[in-house]
Amino acid sequence: MQFRYDADPAPLGLDREAFNLQVKQLVTRLEALVVPGSEAEA
């Protein structure tokens, strides 16, 4: 992908905190599926 080499890239407006929260929630759900007895299992 060549986007990172652009001289003046447009700002993406990414909310890193929101993405980190989504990733944490995803990992928690995956652990509940993969790890028996995980506290995330409901």
C-alpha atoms as a PDB file:
ATOM      1  CA  MET A   1       0.000   0.000   0.000  1.00  0.00           C
ATOM      2  CA  GLN A   2       1.443   3.343  -1.013  1.00  0.00           C
ATOM      3  CA  PHE A   3      -0.691   5.611   1.205  1.00  0.00           C
ATOM      4  CA  ARG A   4       1.998   6.014   3.857  1.00  0.00           C
ATOM      5  CA  TYR A   5       4.414   7.445   1.285  1.00  0.00           C
ATOM      6  CA  ASP A   6       2.165  10.356   0.254  1.00  0.00           C
ATOM      7  CA  ALA A   7       3.830  13.724   0.847  1.00  0.00           C
ATOM      8  CA  ASP A   8       0.741  15.256   2.500  1.00  0.00           C
ATOM      9  CA  PRO A   9      -1.717  12.530   3.536  1.00  0.00           C
ATOM     10  CA  ALA A  10      -5.228  13.530   4.552  1.00  0.00           C
ATOM     11  CA  PRO A  11      -5.936  13.074   8.273  1.00  0.00           C
ATOM     12  CA  LEU A  12      -7.822   9.854   8.939  1.00  0.00           C
ATOM     13  CA  GLY A  13      -9.624  11.042  12.062  1.00  0.00           C
ATOM     14  CA  LEU A  14      -9.133   7.733  13.860  1.00  0.00           C
ATOM     15  CA  ASP A  15     -10.194   7.459  17.487  1.00  0.00           C
ATOM     16  CA  ARG A  16      -7.491   5.196  18.918  1.00  0.00           C
ATOM     17  CA  GLU A  17      -9.193   4.947  22.316  1.00  0.00           C
ATOM     18  CA  ALA A  18     -12.450   3.707  20.764  1.00  0.00           C
ATOM     19  CA  PHE A  19     -10.600   1.170  18.599  1.00  0.00           C
ATOM     20  CA  ASN A  20      -8.641  -0.089  21.617  1.00  0.00           C
ATOM     21  CA  LEU A  21     -11.910  -0.605  23.498  1.00  0.00           C
ATOM     22  CA  GLN A  22     -13.400  -2.532  20.574  1.00  0.00           C
ATOM     23  CA  VAL A  23     -10.315  -4.751  20.375  1.00  0.00           C
ATOM     24  CA  LYS A  24     -10.460  -5.424  24.111  1.00  0.00           C
ATOM     25  CA  GLN A  25     -14.137  -6.419  23.824  1.00  0.00           C
ATOM     26  CA  LEU A  26     -13.351  -8.676  20.862  1.00  0.00           C
ATOM     27  CA  VAL A  27     -10.525 -10.400  22.735  1.00  0.00           C
ATOM     28  CA  THR A  28     -12.802 -10.911  25.728  1.00  0.00           C
ATOM     29  CA  ARG A  29     -15.465 -12.534  23.527  1.00  0.00           C
ATOM     30  CA  LEU A  30     -12.898 -14.746  21.816  1.00  0.00           C
ATOM     31  CA  GLU A  31     -11.476 -15.856  25.152  1.00  0.00           C
ATOM     32  CA  ALA A  32     -14.973 -16.865  26.248  1.00  0.00           C
ATOM     33  CA  LEU A  33     -15.226 -19.088  23.160  1.00  0.00           C
ATOM     34  CA  VAL A  34     -11.735 -20.566  23.370  1.00  0.00           C
ATOM     35  CA  VAL A  35     -10.956 -20.752  27.108  1.00  0.00           C
ATOM     36  CA  PRO A  36     -13.393 -22.922  29.049  1.00  0.00           C
ATOM     37  CA  GLY A  37     -14.435 -21.333  32.336  1.00  0.00           C
ATOM     38  CA  SER A  38     -13.373 -17.855  31.274  1.00  0.00           C
ATOM     39  CA  GLU A  39     -14.973 -15.169  33.420  1.00  0.00           C
ATOM     40  CA  ALA A  40     -16.196 -13.469  30.225  1.00  0.00           C
ATOM     41  CA  GLU A  41     -18.433 -16.447  29.483  1.00  0.00           C
ATOM     42  CA  ALA A  42     -22.053 -15.628  30.130  1.00  0.00           C
END
